[in-house]
Amino acid sequence: AMGQWHQARIVVWGNRIEHYLDSRKVLDVDRSSDAFRKGVADSKFNDYPNFTSIPEGHILLQDHGHSVAFRNIKIRKLK
């Protein structure tokens, strides 16, 4: 709900991305899948070359037209 803090956890293992929001899995996708590539092709990120296969780089934080704030962002490499 809006107006409250949520906890997100994003786990990336190779090409697999899992996104948890408030401990509930909301996304499980393989970046090499046709469905993912089509999703990116139909998105605002379609002008970024090789967006679906970039192995490392910057973290993208986005909003969907609403005021947002981020806090306590932690990144760690999993073994």
PDB file of N, CA and C in Angstrom:
ATOM      1  N   ALA A   1       0.838  -1.188   0.000  1.00  0.00           N
ATOM      2  CA  ALA A   1       0.000   0.000   0.000  1.00  0.00           C
ATOM      3  C   ALA A   1       0.873   1.239   0.000  1.00  0.00           C
ATOM      4  N   MET A   2       0.333   2.289  -0.523  1.00  0.00           N
ATOM      5  CA  MET A   2       1.071   3.541  -0.569  1.00  0.00           C
ATOM      6  C   MET A   2       1.124   4.147   0.831  1.00  0.00           C
ATOM      7  N   GLY A   3       2.155   4.944   1.076  1.00  0.00           N
ATOM      8  CA  GLY A   3       2.285   5.627   2.343  1.00  0.00           C
ATOM      9  C   GLY A   3       2.944   4.798   3.425  1.00  0.00           C
ATOM     10  N   GLN A   4       3.501   3.643   3.056  1.00  0.00           N
ATOM     11  CA  GLN A   4       4.210   2.835   4.041  1.00  0.00           C
ATOM     12  C   GLN A   4       5.464   2.257   3.398  1.00  0.00           C
ATOM     13  N   TRP A   5       6.414   1.857   4.217  1.00  0.00           N
ATOM     14  CA  TRP A   5       7.648   1.249   3.723  1.00  0.00           C
ATOM     15  C   TRP A   5       7.410  -0.217   3.415  1.00  0.00           C
ATOM     16  N   HIS A   6       8.032  -0.685   2.361  1.00  0.00           N
ATOM     17  CA  HIS A   6       7.985  -2.090   1.989  1.00  0.00           C
ATOM     18  C   HIS A   6       9.406  -2.621   1.962  1.00  0.00           C
ATOM     19  N   GLN A   7       9.527  -3.914   2.074  1.00  0.00           N
ATOM     20  CA  GLN A   7      10.849  -4.538   1.998  1.00  0.00           C
ATOM     21  C   GLN A   7      10.928  -5.344   0.711  1.00  0.00           C
ATOM     22  N   ALA A   8      11.959  -5.073  -0.073  1.00  0.00           N
ATOM     23  CA  ALA A   8      12.171  -5.801  -1.321  1.00  0.00           C
ATOM     24  C   ALA A   8      13.488  -6.557  -1.235  1.00  0.00           C
ATOM     25  N   ARG A   9      13.506  -7.719  -1.851  1.00  0.00           N
ATOM     26  CA  ARG A   9      14.723  -8.522  -1.939  1.00  0.00           C
ATOM     27  C   ARG A   9      14.814  -9.008  -3.367  1.00  0.00           C
ATOM     28  N   ILE A  10      15.943  -8.772  -3.998  1.00  0.00           N
ATOM     29  CA  ILE A  10      16.156  -9.202  -5.375  1.00  0.00           C
ATOM     30  C   ILE A  10      17.355 -10.138  -5.378  1.00  0.00           C
ATOM     31  N   VAL A  11      17.159 -11.334  -5.906  1.00  0.00           N
ATOM     32  CA  VAL A  11      18.214 -12.342  -5.959  1.00  0.00           C
ATOM     33  C   VAL A  11      18.495 -12.644  -7.424  1.00  0.00           C
ATOM     34  N   VAL A  12      19.759 -12.551  -7.809  1.00  0.00           N
ATOM     35  CA  VAL A  12      20.161 -12.833  -9.186  1.00  0.00           C
ATOM     36  C   VAL A  12      21.169 -13.975  -9.168  1.00  0.00           C
ATOM     37  N   TRP A  13      20.836 -15.050  -9.869  1.00  0.00           N
ATOM     38  CA  TRP A  13      21.724 -16.199 -10.025  1.00  0.00           C
ATOM     39  C   TRP A  13      21.921 -16.394 -11.527  1.00  0.00           C
ATOM     40  N   GLY A  14      23.034 -15.954 -12.059  1.00  0.00           N
ATOM     41  CA  GLY A  14      23.242 -16.066 -13.505  1.00  0.00           C
ATOM     42  C   GLY A  14      22.174 -15.264 -14.229  1.00  0.00           C
ATOM     43  N   ASN A  15      21.370 -15.924 -15.043  1.00  0.00           N
ATOM     44  CA  ASN A  15      20.315 -15.245 -15.794  1.00  0.00           C
ATOM     45  C   ASN A  15      18.972 -15.215 -15.068  1.00  0.00           C
ATOM     46  N   ARG A  16      18.875 -15.869 -13.921  1.00  0.00           N
ATOM     47  CA  ARG A  16      17.607 -15.928 -13.191  1.00  0.00           C
ATOM     48  C   ARG A  16      17.512 -14.771 -12.204  1.00  0.00           C
ATOM     49  N   ILE A  17      16.352 -14.119 -12.219  1.00  0.00           N
ATOM     50  CA  ILE A  17      16.073 -13.024 -11.289  1.00  0.00           C
ATOM     51  C   ILE A  17      14.824 -13.387 -10.496  1.00  0.00           C
ATOM     52  N   GLU A  18      14.924 -13.287  -9.172  1.00  0.00           N
ATOM     53  CA  GLU A  18      13.767 -13.459  -8.301  1.00  0.00           C
ATOM     54  C   GLU A  18      13.578 -12.162  -7.532  1.00  0.00           C
ATOM     55  N   HIS A  19      12.354 -11.693  -7.461  1.00  0.00           N
ATOM     56  CA  HIS A  19      12.042 -10.458  -6.730  1.00  0.00           C
ATOM     57  C   HIS A  19      10.989 -10.787  -5.685  1.00  0.00           C
ATOM     58  N   TYR A  20      11.294 -10.461  -4.439  1.00  0.00           N
ATOM     59  CA  TYR A  20      10.382 -10.667  -3.321  1.00  0.00           C
ATOM     60  C   TYR A  20       9.961  -9.305  -2.799  1.00  0.00           C
ATOM     61  N   LEU A  21       8.699  -9.129  -2.548  1.00  0.00           N
ATOM     62  CA  LEU A  21       8.177  -7.894  -1.974  1.00  0.00           C
ATOM     63  C   LEU A  21       7.439  -8.266  -0.699  1.00  0.00           C
ATOM     64  N   ASP A  22       7.916  -7.718   0.407  1.00  0.00           N
ATOM     65  CA  ASP A  22       7.368  -8.062   1.726  1.00  0.00           C
ATOM     66  C   ASP A  22       7.316  -9.581   1.916  1.00  0.00           C
ATOM     67  N   SER A  23       8.429 -10.246   1.583  1.00  0.00           N
ATOM     68  CA  SER A  23       8.644 -11.696   1.734  1.00  0.00           C
ATOM     69  C   SER A  23       7.816 -12.562   0.791  1.00  0.00           C
ATOM     70  N   ARG A  24       7.089 -11.968  -0.140  1.00  0.00           N
ATOM     71  CA  ARG A  24       6.279 -12.728  -1.107  1.00  0.00           C
ATOM     72  C   ARG A  24       6.917 -12.622  -2.488  1.00  0.00           C
ATOM     73  N   LYS A  25       7.163 -13.775  -3.142  1.00  0.00           N
ATOM     74  CA  LYS A  25       7.777 -13.750  -4.470  1.00  0.00           C
ATOM     75  C   LYS A  25       6.798 -13.153  -5.468  1.00  0.00           C
ATOM     76  N   VAL A  26       7.227 -12.087  -6.140  1.00  0.00           N
ATOM     77  CA  VAL A  26       6.372 -11.432  -7.126  1.00  0.00           C
ATOM     78  C   VAL A  26       6.921 -11.573  -8.550  1.00  0.00           C
ATOM     79  N   LEU A  27       8.161 -12.058  -8.676  1.00  0.00           N
ATOM     80  CA  LEU A  27       8.758 -12.219  -9.997  1.00  0.00           C
ATOM     81  C   LEU A  27       9.779 -13.336  -9.952  1.00  0.00           C
ATOM     82  N   ASP A  28       9.773 -14.164 -10.973  1.00  0.00           N
ATOM     83  CA  ASP A  28      10.778 -15.209 -11.164  1.00  0.00           C
ATOM     84  C   ASP A  28      10.951 -15.318 -12.673  1.00  0.00           C
ATOM     85  N   VAL A  29      12.069 -14.826 -13.177  1.00  0.00           N
ATOM     86  CA  VAL A  29      12.243 -14.740 -14.627  1.00  0.00           C
ATOM     87  C   VAL A  29      13.662 -15.125 -15.021  1.00  0.00           C
ATOM     88  N   ASP A  30      13.795 -15.670 -16.217  1.00  0.00           N
ATOM     89  CA  ASP A  30      15.090 -15.998 -16.804  1.00  0.00           C
ATOM     90  C   ASP A  30      15.376 -14.943 -17.874  1.00  0.00           C
ATOM     91  N   ARG A  31      16.463 -14.196 -17.693  1.00  0.00           N
ATOM     92  CA  ARG A  31      16.783 -13.115 -18.631  1.00  0.00           C
ATOM     93  C   ARG A  31      17.083 -13.615 -20.041  1.00  0.00           C
ATOM     94  N   SER A  32      17.367 -14.893 -20.196  1.00  0.00           N
ATOM     95  CA  SER A  32      17.650 -15.418 -21.537  1.00  0.00           C
ATOM     96  C   SER A  32      16.397 -15.962 -22.222  1.00  0.00           C
ATOM     97  N   SER A  33      15.244 -15.884 -21.547  1.00  0.00           N
ATOM     98  CA  SER A  33      14.010 -16.436 -22.120  1.00  0.00           C
ATOM     99  C   SER A  33      13.421 -15.509 -23.184  1.00  0.00           C
ATOM    100  N   ASP A  34      12.667 -16.101 -24.086  1.00  0.00           N
ATOM    101  CA  ASP A  34      11.980 -15.319 -25.114  1.00  0.00           C
ATOM    102  C   ASP A  34      10.978 -14.356 -24.481  1.00  0.00           C
ATOM    103  N   ALA A  35      10.309 -14.797 -23.425  1.00  0.00           N
ATOM    104  CA  ALA A  35       9.320 -13.943 -22.760  1.00  0.00           C
ATOM    105  C   ALA A  35       9.979 -12.692 -22.180  1.00  0.00           C
ATOM    106  N   PHE A  36      11.153 -12.837 -21.568  1.00  0.00           N
ATOM    107  CA  PHE A  36      11.853 -11.678 -21.011  1.00  0.00           C
ATOM    108  C   PHE A  36      12.298 -10.728 -22.121  1.00  0.00           C
ATOM    109  N   ARG A  37      12.888 -11.285 -23.171  1.00  0.00           N
ATOM    110  CA  ARG A  37      13.348 -10.451 -24.294  1.00  0.00           C
ATOM    111  C   ARG A  37      12.179  -9.698 -24.926  1.00  0.00           C
ATOM    112  N   LYS A  38      11.031 -10.348 -25.062  1.00  0.00           N
ATOM    113  CA  LYS A  38       9.854  -9.680 -25.622  1.00  0.00           C
ATOM    114  C   LYS A  38       9.370  -8.578 -24.682  1.00  0.00           C
ATOM    115  N   GLY A  39       9.378  -8.859 -23.379  1.00  0.00           N
ATOM    116  CA  GLY A  39       8.974  -7.848 -22.408  1.00  0.00           C
ATOM    117  C   GLY A  39       9.834  -6.600 -22.485  1.00  0.00           C
ATOM    118  N   VAL A  40      11.140  -6.785 -22.628  1.00  0.00           N
ATOM    119  CA  VAL A  40      12.052  -5.639 -22.754  1.00  0.00           C
ATOM    120  C   VAL A  40      11.824  -4.936 -24.084  1.00  0.00           C
ATOM    121  N   ALA A  41      11.621  -5.691 -25.156  1.00  0.00           N
ATOM    122  CA  ALA A  41      11.381  -5.093 -26.477  1.00  0.00           C
ATOM    123  C   ALA A  41      10.130  -4.216 -26.472  1.00  0.00           C
ATOM    124  N   ASP A  42       9.149  -4.589 -25.648  1.00  0.00           N
ATOM    125  CA  ASP A  42       7.901  -3.823 -25.560  1.00  0.00           C
ATOM    126  C   ASP A  42       7.939  -2.752 -24.474  1.00  0.00           C
ATOM    127  N   SER A  43       9.110  -2.514 -23.880  1.00  0.00           N
ATOM    128  CA  SER A  43       9.217  -1.584 -22.755  1.00  0.00           C
ATOM    129  C   SER A  43       9.993  -0.324 -23.131  1.00  0.00           C
ATOM    130  N   LYS A  44      10.100   0.566 -22.161  1.00  0.00           N
ATOM    131  CA  LYS A  44      10.868   1.798 -22.363  1.00  0.00           C
ATOM    132  C   LYS A  44      12.378   1.533 -22.402  1.00  0.00           C
ATOM    133  N   PHE A  45      12.800   0.300 -22.131  1.00  0.00           N
ATOM    134  CA  PHE A  45      14.225  -0.041 -22.136  1.00  0.00           C
ATOM    135  C   PHE A  45      14.679  -0.640 -23.458  1.00  0.00           C
ATOM    136  N   ASN A  46      13.819  -0.639 -24.455  1.00  0.00           N
ATOM    137  CA  ASN A  46      14.147  -1.282 -25.726  1.00  0.00           C
ATOM    138  C   ASN A  46      15.255  -0.576 -26.509  1.00  0.00           C
ATOM    139  N   ASP A  47      15.589   0.672 -26.162  1.00  0.00           N
ATOM    140  CA  ASP A  47      16.658   1.398 -26.862  1.00  0.00           C
ATOM    141  C   ASP A  47      18.041   1.137 -26.279  1.00  0.00           C
ATOM    142  N   TYR A  48      18.130   0.376 -25.194  1.00  0.00           N
ATOM    143  CA  TYR A  48      19.416   0.074 -24.573  1.00  0.00           C
ATOM    144  C   TYR A  48      19.976  -1.202 -25.194  1.00  0.00           C
ATOM    145  N   PRO A  49      21.082  -1.084 -25.929  1.00  0.00           N
ATOM    146  CA  PRO A  49      21.644  -2.272 -26.593  1.00  0.00           C
ATOM    147  C   PRO A  49      21.968  -3.383 -25.592  1.00  0.00           C
ATOM    148  N   ASN A  50      21.595  -4.604 -25.927  1.00  0.00           N
ATOM    149  CA  ASN A  50      21.903  -5.794 -25.126  1.00  0.00           C
ATOM    150  C   ASN A  50      21.377  -5.718 -23.690  1.00  0.00           C
ATOM    151  N   PHE A  51      20.299  -4.973 -23.458  1.00  0.00           N
ATOM    152  CA  PHE A  51      19.767  -4.804 -22.108  1.00  0.00           C
ATOM    153  C   PHE A  51      19.460  -6.142 -21.441  1.00  0.00           C
ATOM    154  N   THR A  52      19.021  -7.122 -22.209  1.00  0.00           N
ATOM    155  CA  THR A  52      18.648  -8.415 -21.622  1.00  0.00           C
ATOM    156  C   THR A  52      19.847  -9.280 -21.273  1.00  0.00           C
ATOM    157  N   SER A  53      21.043  -8.919 -21.734  1.00  0.00           N
ATOM    158  CA  SER A  53      22.198  -9.793 -21.506  1.00  0.00           C
ATOM    159  C   SER A  53      23.390  -9.090 -20.869  1.00  0.00           C
ATOM    160  N   ILE A  54      23.219  -7.890 -20.342  1.00  0.00           N
ATOM    161  CA  ILE A  54      24.317  -7.186 -19.690  1.00  0.00           C
ATOM    162  C   ILE A  54      24.673  -7.948 -18.412  1.00  0.00           C
ATOM    163  N   PRO A  55      25.924  -8.438 -18.282  1.00  0.00           N
ATOM    164  CA  PRO A  55      26.255  -9.299 -17.144  1.00  0.00           C
ATOM    165  C   PRO A  55      26.423  -8.558 -15.814  1.00  0.00           C
ATOM    166  N   GLU A  56      26.779  -7.294 -15.859  1.00  0.00           N
ATOM    167  CA  GLU A  56      26.956  -6.528 -14.621  1.00  0.00           C
ATOM    168  C   GLU A  56      26.929  -5.052 -14.950  1.00  0.00           C
ATOM    169  N   GLY A  57      26.776  -4.240 -13.914  1.00  0.00           N
ATOM    170  CA  GLY A  57      26.761  -2.800 -14.144  1.00  0.00           C
ATOM    171  C   GLY A  57      25.965  -2.069 -13.087  1.00  0.00           C
ATOM    172  N   HIS A  58      25.321  -1.033 -13.494  1.00  0.00           N
ATOM    173  CA  HIS A  58      24.571  -0.179 -12.581  1.00  0.00           C
ATOM    174  C   HIS A  58      23.251  -0.828 -12.164  1.00  0.00           C
ATOM    175  N   ILE A  59      22.763  -0.401 -11.024  1.00  0.00           N
ATOM    176  CA  ILE A  59      21.460  -0.853 -10.533  1.00  0.00           C
ATOM    177  C   ILE A  59      20.426   0.170 -10.966  1.00  0.00           C
ATOM    178  N   LEU A  60      19.328  -0.291 -11.465  1.00  0.00           N
ATOM    179  CA  LEU A  60      18.261   0.564 -11.956  1.00  0.00           C
ATOM    180  C   LEU A  60      17.133   0.597 -10.936  1.00  0.00           C
ATOM    181  N   LEU A  61      16.892   1.762 -10.351  1.00  0.00           N
ATOM    182  CA  LEU A  61      15.758   1.963  -9.449  1.00  0.00           C
ATOM    183  C   LEU A  61      14.752   2.809 -10.204  1.00  0.00           C
ATOM    184  N   GLN A  62      13.500   2.408 -10.199  1.00  0.00           N
ATOM    185  CA  GLN A  62      12.509   3.146 -10.978  1.00  0.00           C
ATOM    186  C   GLN A  62      11.223   3.331 -10.209  1.00  0.00           C
ATOM    187  N   ASP A  63      10.427   4.237 -10.709  1.00  0.00           N
ATOM    188  CA  ASP A  63       9.095   4.446 -10.162  1.00  0.00           C
ATOM    189  C   ASP A  63       8.111   4.304 -11.315  1.00  0.00           C
ATOM    190  N   HIS A  64       6.866   4.363 -11.008  1.00  0.00           N
ATOM    191  CA  HIS A  64       5.836   4.264 -12.043  1.00  0.00           C
ATOM    192  C   HIS A  64       4.941   5.485 -11.991  1.00  0.00           C
ATOM    193  N   GLY A  65       5.581   6.656 -11.930  1.00  0.00           N
ATOM    194  CA  GLY A  65       4.833   7.904 -11.958  1.00  0.00           C
ATOM    195  C   GLY A  65       4.408   8.427 -10.606  1.00  0.00           C
ATOM    196  N   HIS A  66       4.856   7.774  -9.543  1.00  0.00           N
ATOM    197  CA  HIS A  66       4.499   8.208  -8.197  1.00  0.00           C
ATOM    198  C   HIS A  66       5.754   8.658  -7.467  1.00  0.00           C
ATOM    199  N   SER A  67       5.585   9.385  -6.403  1.00  0.00           N
ATOM    200  CA  SER A  67       6.701   9.779  -5.562  1.00  0.00           C
ATOM    201  C   SER A  67       7.210   8.537  -4.831  1.00  0.00           C
ATOM    202  N   VAL A  68       8.515   8.295  -4.882  1.00  0.00           N
ATOM    203  CA  VAL A  68       9.096   7.136  -4.217  1.00  0.00           C
ATOM    204  C   VAL A  68      10.319   7.545  -3.413  1.00  0.00           C
ATOM    205  N   ALA A  69      10.686   6.722  -2.456  1.00  0.00           N
ATOM    206  CA  ALA A  69      11.898   6.920  -1.677  1.00  0.00           C
ATOM    207  C   ALA A  69      12.493   5.541  -1.415  1.00  0.00           C
ATOM    208  N   PHE A  70      13.799   5.477  -1.337  1.00  0.00           N
ATOM    209  CA  PHE A  70      14.509   4.232  -1.072  1.00  0.00           C
ATOM    210  C   PHE A  70      15.385   4.443   0.152  1.00  0.00           C
ATOM    211  N   ARG A  71      15.512   3.406   0.977  1.00  0.00           N
ATOM    212  CA  ARG A  71      16.387   3.503   2.137  1.00  0.00           C
ATOM    213  C   ARG A  71      16.984   2.127   2.426  1.00  0.00           C
ATOM    214  N   ASN A  72      18.102   2.140   3.134  1.00  0.00           N
ATOM    215  CA  ASN A  72      18.755   0.909   3.578  1.00  0.00           C
ATOM    216  C   ASN A  72      19.041  -0.071   2.431  1.00  0.00           C
ATOM    217  N   ILE A  73      19.572   0.434   1.339  1.00  0.00           N
ATOM    218  CA  ILE A  73      19.894  -0.423   0.205  1.00  0.00           C
ATOM    219  C   ILE A  73      21.221  -1.130   0.492  1.00  0.00           C
ATOM    220  N   LYS A  74      21.206  -2.448   0.422  1.00  0.00           N
ATOM    221  CA  LYS A  74      22.402  -3.246   0.680  1.00  0.00           C
ATOM    222  C   LYS A  74      22.605  -4.200  -0.490  1.00  0.00           C
ATOM    223  N   ILE A  75      23.855  -4.343  -0.894  1.00  0.00           N
ATOM    224  CA  ILE A  75      24.191  -5.245  -1.983  1.00  0.00           C
ATOM    225  C   ILE A  75      25.272  -6.195  -1.470  1.00  0.00           C
ATOM    226  N   ARG A  76      25.052  -7.471  -1.707  1.00  0.00           N
ATOM    227  CA  ARG A  76      26.090  -8.416  -1.312  1.00  0.00           C
ATOM    228  C   ARG A  76      26.168  -9.546  -2.323  1.00  0.00           C
ATOM    229  N   LYS A  77      27.358 -10.052  -2.471  1.00  0.00           N
ATOM    230  CA  LYS A  77      27.596 -11.162  -3.377  1.00  0.00           C
ATOM    231  C   LYS A  77      27.309 -12.462  -2.638  1.00  0.00           C
ATOM    232  N   LEU A  78      26.476 -13.306  -3.218  1.00  0.00           N
ATOM    233  CA  LEU A  78      26.120 -14.572  -2.615  1.00  0.00           C
ATOM    234  C   LEU A  78      27.128 -15.636  -3.029  1.00  0.00           C
ATOM    235  N   LYS A  79      27.337 -16.592  -2.161  1.00  0.00           N
ATOM    236  CA  LYS A  79      28.280 -17.677  -2.465  1.00  0.00           C
ATOM    237  C   LYS A  79      27.579 -18.836  -3.108  1.00  0.00           C
TER     238      LYS A  79
END
